[in-house]
Amino acid sequence: MYYFDTSFLAPLILEEATSARVEAFVAKLPAGALFVSDWTRLEFASLLAREVRMGGLAESDARGADEQFAQMVEESYQVLTPSASDFALATSYVQNFATKLRAGDALHLAIARNHAMKALYTLDETMLKAARLLRVPAARGIARTIRT
């Protein structure tokens, strides 16, 4: 079972330098073993709203991206709803100041831990460092740079 945070999935919808590598990586994983949470869906919507606010994306493009994300999740991912125990664990992760975690990232880590995920995939370096500190199995999944 593999859990994905928003930073790992966004390049599947929004063109980024990592898009092709993320797509190739996800394609190799077994169907039925891919998980996100309702938090991931909200966080992706927030990312789109921020892009519209900052002028990086037109509203119509953001709506299209949101629809594409929803379809991708429906077709390929199982969706977990965060529970009270996920929020409690996330709170303890944030209260461990050495993690330097924001609330949303702590929630992703807590969901992955509480649901015994084999790995949480993220492109967020701060989350990866915190995962190591907290002993939550997490990985980047793809190389940082394209090697030539």
Foldseek 3Di string as FASTA:
>chain_A
DEEEALQLCVLCLDPDPCNVVSVVLVVPDDFPQYAYEVLRLVVLLVVLVVCCVVVNDPPVSSVVSSVVVVVCCVVGYDYHYDDPQLQVQLVVLVVVVVLVDDSSLSSSQSVQVVVVRPEYEHCDPSSVVSCVVVVRHYDPSGDPDDDD
